[in-house]
N, C-alpha and C. Protein backbone atom coordinates (compact mmCIF):
# COMPACT_ATOMS: atom_id res chain seq x y z
N MET A 1 34.19 -23.80 -68.56
CA MET A 1 32.97 -23.55 -67.86
C MET A 1 31.81 -23.57 -68.84
N THR A 2 31.48 -24.68 -69.22
CA THR A 2 30.39 -24.85 -70.16
C THR A 2 29.05 -25.03 -69.46
N PHE A 3 29.09 -25.17 -68.15
CA PHE A 3 27.85 -25.38 -67.40
C PHE A 3 26.94 -24.15 -67.47
N PHE A 4 27.51 -22.96 -67.38
CA PHE A 4 26.71 -21.74 -67.38
C PHE A 4 26.47 -21.19 -68.78
N ASP A 5 27.11 -21.79 -69.78
CA ASP A 5 26.94 -21.30 -71.13
C ASP A 5 25.56 -21.58 -71.69
N GLN A 6 24.89 -22.59 -71.18
CA GLN A 6 23.59 -22.96 -71.73
C GLN A 6 22.46 -22.06 -71.24
N TYR A 7 22.74 -21.19 -70.24
CA TYR A 7 21.71 -20.28 -69.72
C TYR A 7 21.93 -18.90 -70.29
N SER A 8 20.84 -18.18 -70.44
CA SER A 8 20.93 -16.82 -70.96
C SER A 8 21.31 -15.86 -69.84
N TYR A 9 21.67 -14.65 -70.25
CA TYR A 9 22.04 -13.64 -69.25
C TYR A 9 20.86 -13.31 -68.34
N LYS A 10 19.69 -13.32 -68.87
CA LYS A 10 18.49 -13.02 -68.07
C LYS A 10 18.30 -14.09 -67.00
N GLN A 11 18.47 -15.36 -67.37
CA GLN A 11 18.32 -16.45 -66.40
C GLN A 11 19.43 -16.40 -65.36
N LYS A 12 20.66 -16.06 -65.81
CA LYS A 12 21.77 -15.95 -64.87
C LYS A 12 21.54 -14.82 -63.88
N ASN A 13 21.01 -13.69 -64.38
CA ASN A 13 20.74 -12.55 -63.50
C ASN A 13 19.63 -12.87 -62.49
N ILE A 14 18.60 -13.59 -62.94
CA ILE A 14 17.52 -13.98 -62.02
C ILE A 14 18.05 -14.93 -60.97
N ALA A 15 18.88 -15.91 -61.40
CA ALA A 15 19.47 -16.84 -60.44
C ALA A 15 20.37 -16.09 -59.46
N LEU A 16 21.14 -15.13 -59.97
CA LEU A 16 22.01 -14.33 -59.12
C LEU A 16 21.19 -13.49 -58.14
N LEU A 17 20.08 -12.95 -58.61
CA LEU A 17 19.20 -12.17 -57.74
C LEU A 17 18.59 -13.05 -56.65
N VAL A 18 18.11 -14.24 -57.00
CA VAL A 18 17.54 -15.17 -56.01
C VAL A 18 18.61 -15.60 -55.02
N LEU A 19 19.81 -15.90 -55.53
CA LEU A 19 20.91 -16.28 -54.65
C LEU A 19 21.28 -15.13 -53.71
N GLY A 20 21.27 -13.90 -54.18
CA GLY A 20 21.57 -12.72 -53.35
C GLY A 20 20.51 -12.52 -52.27
N VAL A 21 19.23 -12.71 -52.64
CA VAL A 21 18.15 -12.57 -51.66
C VAL A 21 18.28 -13.65 -50.59
N LEU A 22 18.55 -14.88 -50.99
CA LEU A 22 18.71 -15.97 -50.03
C LEU A 22 19.91 -15.71 -49.11
N LEU A 23 21.01 -15.24 -49.70
CA LEU A 23 22.20 -14.94 -48.92
C LEU A 23 21.93 -13.81 -47.92
N ALA A 24 21.18 -12.78 -48.36
CA ALA A 24 20.82 -11.67 -47.47
C ALA A 24 19.91 -12.16 -46.34
N ALA A 25 18.95 -13.04 -46.64
CA ALA A 25 18.05 -13.56 -45.62
C ALA A 25 18.80 -14.40 -44.60
N VAL A 26 19.71 -15.24 -45.09
CA VAL A 26 20.48 -16.09 -44.17
C VAL A 26 21.40 -15.23 -43.30
N SER A 27 22.05 -14.23 -43.89
CA SER A 27 22.94 -13.38 -43.09
C SER A 27 22.13 -12.56 -42.09
N TYR A 28 20.94 -12.12 -42.44
CA TYR A 28 20.08 -11.40 -41.49
C TYR A 28 19.70 -12.32 -40.33
N LYS A 29 19.30 -13.54 -40.69
CA LYS A 29 18.86 -14.48 -39.67
C LYS A 29 20.01 -14.86 -38.74
N ARG A 30 21.19 -15.09 -39.30
CA ARG A 30 22.33 -15.59 -38.53
C ARG A 30 23.10 -14.48 -37.80
N ALA A 31 23.25 -13.32 -38.38
CA ALA A 31 24.14 -12.32 -37.80
C ALA A 31 23.42 -11.05 -37.37
N PHE A 32 22.71 -10.43 -38.27
CA PHE A 32 22.14 -9.12 -37.98
C PHE A 32 21.06 -9.18 -36.91
N SER A 33 20.16 -10.17 -36.97
CA SER A 33 19.08 -10.24 -35.97
C SER A 33 19.65 -10.53 -34.59
N VAL A 34 20.67 -11.36 -34.53
CA VAL A 34 21.30 -11.65 -33.23
C VAL A 34 21.97 -10.40 -32.68
N THR A 35 22.62 -9.65 -33.54
CA THR A 35 23.28 -8.41 -33.12
C THR A 35 22.26 -7.39 -32.62
N MET A 36 21.16 -7.24 -33.34
CA MET A 36 20.12 -6.29 -32.92
C MET A 36 19.46 -6.74 -31.62
N GLU A 37 19.21 -8.03 -31.47
CA GLU A 37 18.61 -8.55 -30.25
C GLU A 37 19.55 -8.34 -29.07
N THR A 38 20.83 -8.57 -29.28
CA THR A 38 21.83 -8.35 -28.23
C THR A 38 21.89 -6.88 -27.85
N SER A 39 21.77 -6.01 -28.83
CA SER A 39 21.76 -4.57 -28.56
C SER A 39 20.54 -4.18 -27.73
N GLU A 40 19.38 -4.76 -28.02
CA GLU A 40 18.16 -4.49 -27.24
C GLU A 40 18.33 -4.99 -25.81
N TYR A 41 18.91 -6.18 -25.63
CA TYR A 41 19.15 -6.71 -24.29
C TYR A 41 20.12 -5.82 -23.51
N LYS A 42 21.14 -5.31 -24.21
CA LYS A 42 22.11 -4.43 -23.57
C LYS A 42 21.42 -3.16 -23.08
N THR A 43 20.57 -2.58 -23.92
CA THR A 43 19.84 -1.37 -23.53
C THR A 43 18.92 -1.65 -22.33
N GLU A 44 18.24 -2.79 -22.37
CA GLU A 44 17.34 -3.16 -21.27
C GLU A 44 18.13 -3.36 -19.97
N LEU A 45 19.29 -4.01 -20.06
CA LEU A 45 20.11 -4.22 -18.86
C LEU A 45 20.67 -2.91 -18.32
N GLN A 46 21.01 -1.97 -19.19
CA GLN A 46 21.48 -0.67 -18.72
C GLN A 46 20.37 0.07 -17.99
N GLU A 47 19.13 -0.02 -18.49
CA GLU A 47 18.00 0.61 -17.81
C GLU A 47 17.76 -0.03 -16.45
N LYS A 48 17.87 -1.36 -16.39
CA LYS A 48 17.69 -2.05 -15.11
C LYS A 48 18.81 -1.72 -14.13
N LEU A 49 20.01 -1.53 -14.64
CA LEU A 49 21.13 -1.15 -13.79
C LEU A 49 20.91 0.24 -13.20
N ILE A 50 20.44 1.16 -14.00
CA ILE A 50 20.13 2.51 -13.50
C ILE A 50 19.03 2.45 -12.46
N LEU A 51 18.01 1.63 -12.71
CA LEU A 51 16.92 1.46 -11.75
C LEU A 51 17.42 0.82 -10.46
N ALA A 52 18.32 -0.15 -10.57
CA ALA A 52 18.87 -0.81 -9.38
C ALA A 52 19.73 0.15 -8.56
N GLU A 53 20.44 1.05 -9.23
CA GLU A 53 21.27 2.01 -8.50
C GLU A 53 20.41 2.98 -7.69
N SER A 54 19.22 3.29 -8.16
CA SER A 54 18.36 4.21 -7.44
C SER A 54 17.35 3.49 -6.54
N SER A 55 17.48 2.17 -6.41
CA SER A 55 16.49 1.42 -5.63
C SER A 55 16.56 1.74 -4.14
N ASP A 56 17.75 2.02 -3.60
CA ASP A 56 17.85 2.39 -2.19
C ASP A 56 17.03 3.63 -1.89
N GLN A 57 17.14 4.61 -2.76
CA GLN A 57 16.37 5.85 -2.59
C GLN A 57 14.87 5.58 -2.71
N GLN A 58 14.48 4.72 -3.65
CA GLN A 58 13.06 4.39 -3.81
C GLN A 58 12.53 3.67 -2.58
N ILE A 59 13.33 2.77 -2.01
CA ILE A 59 12.91 2.05 -0.80
C ILE A 59 12.73 3.03 0.36
N ARG A 60 13.67 3.95 0.52
CA ARG A 60 13.55 4.96 1.59
C ARG A 60 12.30 5.81 1.39
N THR A 61 12.03 6.18 0.15
CA THR A 61 10.84 6.99 -0.15
C THR A 61 9.57 6.22 0.20
N LYS A 62 9.52 4.96 -0.17
CA LYS A 62 8.34 4.13 0.15
C LYS A 62 8.18 3.96 1.65
N GLN A 63 9.30 3.79 2.38
CA GLN A 63 9.21 3.66 3.83
C GLN A 63 8.69 4.94 4.47
N ILE A 64 9.11 6.08 3.96
CA ILE A 64 8.62 7.36 4.47
C ILE A 64 7.12 7.50 4.20
N GLU A 65 6.70 7.10 2.98
CA GLU A 65 5.27 7.16 2.65
C GLU A 65 4.46 6.24 3.55
N ILE A 66 4.97 5.05 3.83
CA ILE A 66 4.27 4.11 4.72
C ILE A 66 4.18 4.68 6.12
N ALA A 67 5.26 5.29 6.60
CA ALA A 67 5.24 5.89 7.94
C ALA A 67 4.23 7.03 8.01
N GLN A 68 4.15 7.84 6.96
CA GLN A 68 3.17 8.92 6.95
C GLN A 68 1.75 8.37 6.94
N LEU A 69 1.51 7.33 6.15
CA LEU A 69 0.18 6.72 6.13
C LEU A 69 -0.15 6.09 7.48
N ASN A 70 0.82 5.45 8.13
CA ASN A 70 0.58 4.86 9.44
C ASN A 70 0.22 5.94 10.46
N ARG A 71 0.87 7.10 10.36
CA ARG A 71 0.52 8.20 11.26
C ARG A 71 -0.88 8.72 10.97
N LEU A 72 -1.25 8.70 9.69
CA LEU A 72 -2.54 9.24 9.30
C LEU A 72 -3.69 8.28 9.62
N ILE A 73 -3.54 7.00 9.29
CA ILE A 73 -4.65 6.05 9.47
C ILE A 73 -4.40 4.99 10.52
N GLY A 74 -3.26 5.01 11.15
CA GLY A 74 -2.96 4.00 12.16
C GLY A 74 -2.22 2.84 11.54
N LYS A 75 -1.50 2.12 12.38
CA LYS A 75 -0.75 0.97 11.88
C LYS A 75 -1.72 -0.10 11.39
N GLU A 76 -1.36 -0.73 10.29
CA GLU A 76 -2.24 -1.76 9.74
C GLU A 76 -1.85 -3.12 10.28
N GLY A 77 -2.77 -4.05 10.17
CA GLY A 77 -2.49 -5.44 10.49
C GLY A 77 -2.68 -5.80 11.95
N ASN A 78 -3.32 -4.96 12.75
CA ASN A 78 -3.56 -5.27 14.15
C ASN A 78 -4.94 -5.90 14.32
N THR A 79 -5.02 -6.91 15.12
CA THR A 79 -6.29 -7.59 15.33
C THR A 79 -7.20 -6.74 16.22
N ILE A 80 -8.47 -7.10 16.24
CA ILE A 80 -9.46 -6.38 17.06
C ILE A 80 -9.08 -6.47 18.53
N GLU A 81 -8.72 -7.67 18.96
CA GLU A 81 -8.38 -7.87 20.37
C GLU A 81 -7.17 -7.05 20.78
N LYS A 82 -6.16 -7.00 19.90
CA LYS A 82 -4.95 -6.24 20.22
C LYS A 82 -5.26 -4.75 20.33
N VAL A 83 -6.06 -4.23 19.40
CA VAL A 83 -6.40 -2.80 19.44
C VAL A 83 -7.18 -2.49 20.72
N GLN A 84 -8.15 -3.32 21.06
CA GLN A 84 -8.94 -3.07 22.26
C GLN A 84 -8.09 -3.18 23.52
N GLN A 85 -7.23 -4.19 23.59
CA GLN A 85 -6.39 -4.36 24.76
C GLN A 85 -5.41 -3.20 24.91
N GLU A 86 -4.81 -2.79 23.79
CA GLU A 86 -3.87 -1.66 23.85
C GLU A 86 -4.60 -0.36 24.18
N PHE A 87 -5.85 -0.22 23.71
CA PHE A 87 -6.63 0.96 24.08
C PHE A 87 -6.86 0.98 25.58
N LEU A 88 -7.24 -0.17 26.14
CA LEU A 88 -7.48 -0.22 27.59
C LEU A 88 -6.19 0.03 28.38
N ASN A 89 -5.06 -0.50 27.89
CA ASN A 89 -3.78 -0.21 28.55
C ASN A 89 -3.45 1.28 28.48
N PHE A 90 -3.68 1.87 27.32
CA PHE A 90 -3.44 3.30 27.13
C PHE A 90 -4.37 4.09 28.05
N PHE A 91 -5.63 3.66 28.13
CA PHE A 91 -6.60 4.35 28.99
C PHE A 91 -6.17 4.26 30.46
N ALA A 92 -5.66 3.10 30.86
CA ALA A 92 -5.23 2.94 32.25
C ALA A 92 -4.09 3.89 32.58
N LYS A 93 -3.23 4.18 31.61
CA LYS A 93 -2.10 5.08 31.85
C LYS A 93 -2.52 6.55 31.78
N LYS A 94 -3.35 6.90 30.82
CA LYS A 94 -3.62 8.31 30.53
C LYS A 94 -4.98 8.81 31.00
N GLY A 95 -5.93 7.93 31.21
CA GLY A 95 -7.28 8.37 31.56
C GLY A 95 -7.42 8.68 33.03
N GLN A 96 -7.38 9.97 33.39
CA GLN A 96 -7.49 10.39 34.78
C GLN A 96 -8.85 11.02 35.02
N HIS A 97 -9.53 10.56 36.04
CA HIS A 97 -10.83 11.07 36.45
C HIS A 97 -11.91 10.85 35.39
N ILE A 98 -11.73 9.87 34.54
CA ILE A 98 -12.76 9.44 33.58
C ILE A 98 -12.79 7.92 33.61
N SER A 99 -13.87 7.37 33.09
CA SER A 99 -14.00 5.90 33.08
C SER A 99 -14.56 5.44 31.74
N VAL A 100 -14.26 4.19 31.43
CA VAL A 100 -14.85 3.58 30.23
C VAL A 100 -16.21 3.05 30.65
N HIS A 101 -17.24 3.62 30.06
CA HIS A 101 -18.59 3.22 30.42
C HIS A 101 -19.03 2.00 29.60
N GLN A 102 -18.65 1.97 28.34
CA GLN A 102 -19.15 0.91 27.48
C GLN A 102 -18.20 0.73 26.28
N ILE A 103 -17.96 -0.52 25.91
CA ILE A 103 -17.26 -0.85 24.66
C ILE A 103 -18.19 -1.77 23.89
N GLU A 104 -18.60 -1.30 22.73
CA GLU A 104 -19.57 -2.07 21.96
C GLU A 104 -18.86 -3.00 20.99
N GLU A 105 -19.66 -3.88 20.39
CA GLU A 105 -19.13 -4.82 19.41
C GLU A 105 -18.55 -4.05 18.22
N VAL A 106 -17.49 -4.59 17.67
CA VAL A 106 -16.76 -3.93 16.60
C VAL A 106 -17.50 -4.09 15.29
N LEU A 107 -17.63 -2.97 14.56
CA LEU A 107 -18.20 -3.02 13.22
C LEU A 107 -17.09 -3.35 12.24
N HIS A 108 -17.36 -4.31 11.36
CA HIS A 108 -16.32 -4.80 10.44
C HIS A 108 -16.78 -4.58 9.01
N PHE A 109 -15.98 -3.88 8.22
CA PHE A 109 -16.25 -3.65 6.81
C PHE A 109 -15.18 -4.35 5.99
N GLN A 110 -15.60 -5.21 5.07
CA GLN A 110 -14.66 -5.98 4.25
C GLN A 110 -14.66 -5.44 2.83
N HIS A 111 -13.49 -5.04 2.36
CA HIS A 111 -13.26 -4.62 0.98
C HIS A 111 -12.33 -5.66 0.37
N PRO A 112 -12.32 -5.83 -0.94
CA PRO A 112 -11.41 -6.85 -1.51
C PRO A 112 -9.94 -6.63 -1.17
N ASP A 113 -9.51 -5.38 -0.99
CA ASP A 113 -8.10 -5.11 -0.72
C ASP A 113 -7.78 -4.95 0.76
N PHE A 114 -8.75 -4.57 1.57
CA PHE A 114 -8.49 -4.31 2.98
C PHE A 114 -9.79 -4.47 3.75
N SER A 115 -9.68 -4.45 5.07
CA SER A 115 -10.87 -4.44 5.92
C SER A 115 -10.69 -3.37 6.99
N ILE A 116 -11.82 -2.81 7.39
CA ILE A 116 -11.83 -1.71 8.36
C ILE A 116 -12.61 -2.17 9.59
N ASN A 117 -12.01 -1.98 10.75
CA ASN A 117 -12.69 -2.27 12.01
C ASN A 117 -12.97 -0.95 12.72
N THR A 118 -14.23 -0.74 13.07
CA THR A 118 -14.63 0.48 13.76
C THR A 118 -15.05 0.12 15.18
N HIS A 119 -14.38 0.72 16.15
CA HIS A 119 -14.63 0.45 17.57
C HIS A 119 -15.42 1.62 18.15
N ARG A 120 -16.52 1.31 18.83
CA ARG A 120 -17.33 2.35 19.49
C ARG A 120 -17.11 2.22 20.99
N ILE A 121 -16.59 3.31 21.58
CA ILE A 121 -16.26 3.31 23.00
C ILE A 121 -16.93 4.52 23.64
N VAL A 122 -17.61 4.30 24.75
CA VAL A 122 -18.28 5.39 25.48
C VAL A 122 -17.51 5.64 26.77
N LEU A 123 -17.07 6.89 26.92
CA LEU A 123 -16.35 7.31 28.12
C LEU A 123 -17.26 8.16 28.99
N ARG A 124 -16.99 8.14 30.28
CA ARG A 124 -17.80 8.94 31.22
C ARG A 124 -16.85 9.73 32.09
N GLY A 125 -17.09 11.03 32.18
CA GLY A 125 -16.23 11.87 33.00
C GLY A 125 -16.38 13.33 32.61
N ASP A 126 -15.60 14.19 33.29
CA ASP A 126 -15.75 15.61 33.02
C ASP A 126 -15.07 16.00 31.70
N TYR A 127 -15.39 17.19 31.23
CA TYR A 127 -15.02 17.64 29.89
C TYR A 127 -13.51 17.83 29.73
N ILE A 128 -12.89 18.51 30.66
CA ILE A 128 -11.46 18.84 30.55
C ILE A 128 -10.61 17.57 30.55
N ASN A 129 -10.88 16.67 31.49
CA ASN A 129 -10.10 15.43 31.54
C ASN A 129 -10.35 14.56 30.30
N THR A 130 -11.56 14.58 29.79
CA THR A 130 -11.86 13.84 28.57
C THR A 130 -11.09 14.41 27.39
N LEU A 131 -11.04 15.74 27.30
CA LEU A 131 -10.28 16.38 26.22
C LEU A 131 -8.80 16.06 26.31
N ARG A 132 -8.25 16.05 27.53
CA ARG A 132 -6.84 15.70 27.70
C ARG A 132 -6.58 14.27 27.22
N PHE A 133 -7.49 13.36 27.59
CA PHE A 133 -7.31 11.98 27.17
C PHE A 133 -7.43 11.85 25.64
N ILE A 134 -8.39 12.54 25.05
CA ILE A 134 -8.56 12.47 23.59
C ILE A 134 -7.33 13.04 22.89
N TYR A 135 -6.78 14.12 23.43
CA TYR A 135 -5.56 14.70 22.84
C TYR A 135 -4.41 13.69 22.87
N ASP A 136 -4.22 13.06 24.04
CA ASP A 136 -3.17 12.05 24.15
C ASP A 136 -3.44 10.86 23.22
N LEU A 137 -4.70 10.50 23.12
CA LEU A 137 -5.07 9.37 22.25
C LEU A 137 -4.74 9.70 20.79
N GLU A 138 -5.03 10.91 20.39
CA GLU A 138 -4.76 11.32 19.01
C GLU A 138 -3.26 11.38 18.72
N LYS A 139 -2.50 11.87 19.68
CA LYS A 139 -1.07 12.08 19.45
C LYS A 139 -0.23 10.82 19.66
N LYS A 140 -0.60 9.99 20.61
CA LYS A 140 0.31 8.90 21.02
C LYS A 140 -0.19 7.49 20.75
N PHE A 141 -1.45 7.31 20.46
CA PHE A 141 -1.98 5.97 20.21
C PHE A 141 -1.95 5.73 18.70
N ASP A 142 -1.10 4.81 18.26
CA ASP A 142 -0.90 4.64 16.83
C ASP A 142 -1.49 3.35 16.26
N LEU A 143 -2.19 2.57 17.05
CA LEU A 143 -2.79 1.34 16.52
C LEU A 143 -4.11 1.62 15.81
N ALA A 144 -4.75 2.70 16.14
CA ALA A 144 -6.01 3.09 15.49
C ALA A 144 -6.11 4.62 15.56
N LYS A 145 -6.95 5.16 14.71
CA LYS A 145 -7.12 6.61 14.66
C LYS A 145 -8.57 6.97 14.96
N ILE A 146 -8.73 8.16 15.54
CA ILE A 146 -10.06 8.64 15.90
C ILE A 146 -10.81 9.04 14.64
N LEU A 147 -12.00 8.53 14.52
CA LEU A 147 -12.85 8.84 13.38
C LEU A 147 -13.86 9.92 13.75
N ASN A 148 -14.48 9.78 14.93
CA ASN A 148 -15.55 10.70 15.32
C ASN A 148 -15.61 10.76 16.84
N ILE A 149 -15.99 11.94 17.34
CA ILE A 149 -16.19 12.14 18.78
C ILE A 149 -17.51 12.87 18.96
N SER A 150 -18.32 12.40 19.88
CA SER A 150 -19.55 13.13 20.20
C SER A 150 -19.71 13.18 21.71
N PHE A 151 -20.15 14.33 22.18
CA PHE A 151 -20.37 14.56 23.60
C PHE A 151 -21.87 14.63 23.86
N GLU A 152 -22.28 14.08 25.01
CA GLU A 152 -23.70 14.12 25.36
C GLU A 152 -23.81 14.18 26.88
N PHE A 153 -24.60 15.14 27.35
CA PHE A 153 -24.83 15.29 28.78
C PHE A 153 -26.21 14.72 29.08
N ARG A 154 -26.23 13.57 29.76
CA ARG A 154 -27.53 12.91 30.00
C ARG A 154 -27.42 11.91 31.13
N LYS A 155 -28.58 11.36 31.47
CA LYS A 155 -28.66 10.24 32.40
C LYS A 155 -28.63 8.96 31.58
N PHE A 156 -27.71 8.09 31.86
CA PHE A 156 -27.65 6.84 31.10
C PHE A 156 -28.64 5.84 31.68
N ASP A 157 -28.70 5.73 32.98
CA ASP A 157 -29.69 4.89 33.65
C ASP A 157 -30.61 5.78 34.47
N SER A 158 -31.77 5.26 34.80
CA SER A 158 -32.75 6.09 35.50
C SER A 158 -32.31 6.43 36.93
N ASP A 159 -31.48 5.62 37.54
CA ASP A 159 -31.07 5.90 38.91
C ASP A 159 -29.73 6.65 39.00
N ASP A 160 -29.10 6.96 37.86
CA ASP A 160 -27.83 7.70 37.84
C ASP A 160 -28.09 9.20 37.80
N GLU A 161 -27.04 9.95 38.12
CA GLU A 161 -27.08 11.40 37.95
C GLU A 161 -26.74 11.73 36.51
N LYS A 162 -27.04 12.97 36.11
CA LYS A 162 -26.63 13.40 34.78
C LYS A 162 -25.12 13.52 34.75
N ASP A 163 -24.55 13.06 33.62
CA ASP A 163 -23.10 13.10 33.48
C ASP A 163 -22.75 13.28 32.00
N LEU A 164 -21.50 13.64 31.74
CA LEU A 164 -21.04 13.80 30.36
C LEU A 164 -20.57 12.45 29.83
N TYR A 165 -21.14 12.04 28.73
CA TYR A 165 -20.75 10.81 28.06
C TYR A 165 -20.14 11.17 26.71
N THR A 166 -18.96 10.63 26.47
CA THR A 166 -18.24 10.90 25.22
C THR A 166 -18.17 9.60 24.43
N THR A 167 -18.68 9.65 23.21
CA THR A 167 -18.64 8.48 22.34
C THR A 167 -17.50 8.65 21.35
N LEU A 168 -16.57 7.71 21.39
CA LEU A 168 -15.43 7.71 20.48
C LEU A 168 -15.63 6.62 19.42
N LEU A 169 -15.37 6.97 18.19
CA LEU A 169 -15.29 5.97 17.13
C LEU A 169 -13.85 5.97 16.65
N ILE A 170 -13.19 4.84 16.81
CA ILE A 170 -11.82 4.70 16.33
C ILE A 170 -11.77 3.57 15.32
N GLN A 171 -10.87 3.71 14.35
CA GLN A 171 -10.77 2.72 13.28
C GLN A 171 -9.34 2.22 13.15
N ASN A 172 -9.26 0.93 12.80
CA ASN A 172 -7.97 0.38 12.39
C ASN A 172 -8.19 -0.43 11.11
N TYR A 173 -7.12 -0.60 10.37
CA TYR A 173 -7.18 -1.22 9.05
C TYR A 173 -6.39 -2.52 9.05
N LEU A 174 -6.92 -3.48 8.33
CA LEU A 174 -6.24 -4.76 8.11
C LEU A 174 -6.09 -4.96 6.63
N ARG A 175 -5.01 -5.57 6.24
CA ARG A 175 -4.81 -5.87 4.83
C ARG A 175 -5.50 -7.14 4.45
């Protein structure tokens, strides 16, 4: 082995050190980094598996939250015509001894995430029957929710008698 005899110990040690560093870099690149990356993927998959196992419960929770919000603000995604038609159908079933005096044009508010339709409806009739209808409307009508109610005892036209007029503001939401 005369090939290495011409180099000094210092040069041999430097070459050995460079060769060791290169060998360590190659082994890190080929084996250790792949092992660590695989370990990270394994940890990530275990977390996703735990999340997937609890997904049924999360879906049920979200459905309950949606149902509570629907009860609070009314079902979303109903058109203006559907809400008005269903209101009139509901009124035909529940409104006794009162009448719909006026339904005004719907006020529409557009937000980037949702839109709000506000319906103004004027009812005419006595106080007790109006209260019964409003109670039923609040409890059983789920397409829109009551925003405001105002009562006014007045003559609407000059040739009419004085009567109680109830103004309802109901709102529904669209996505």
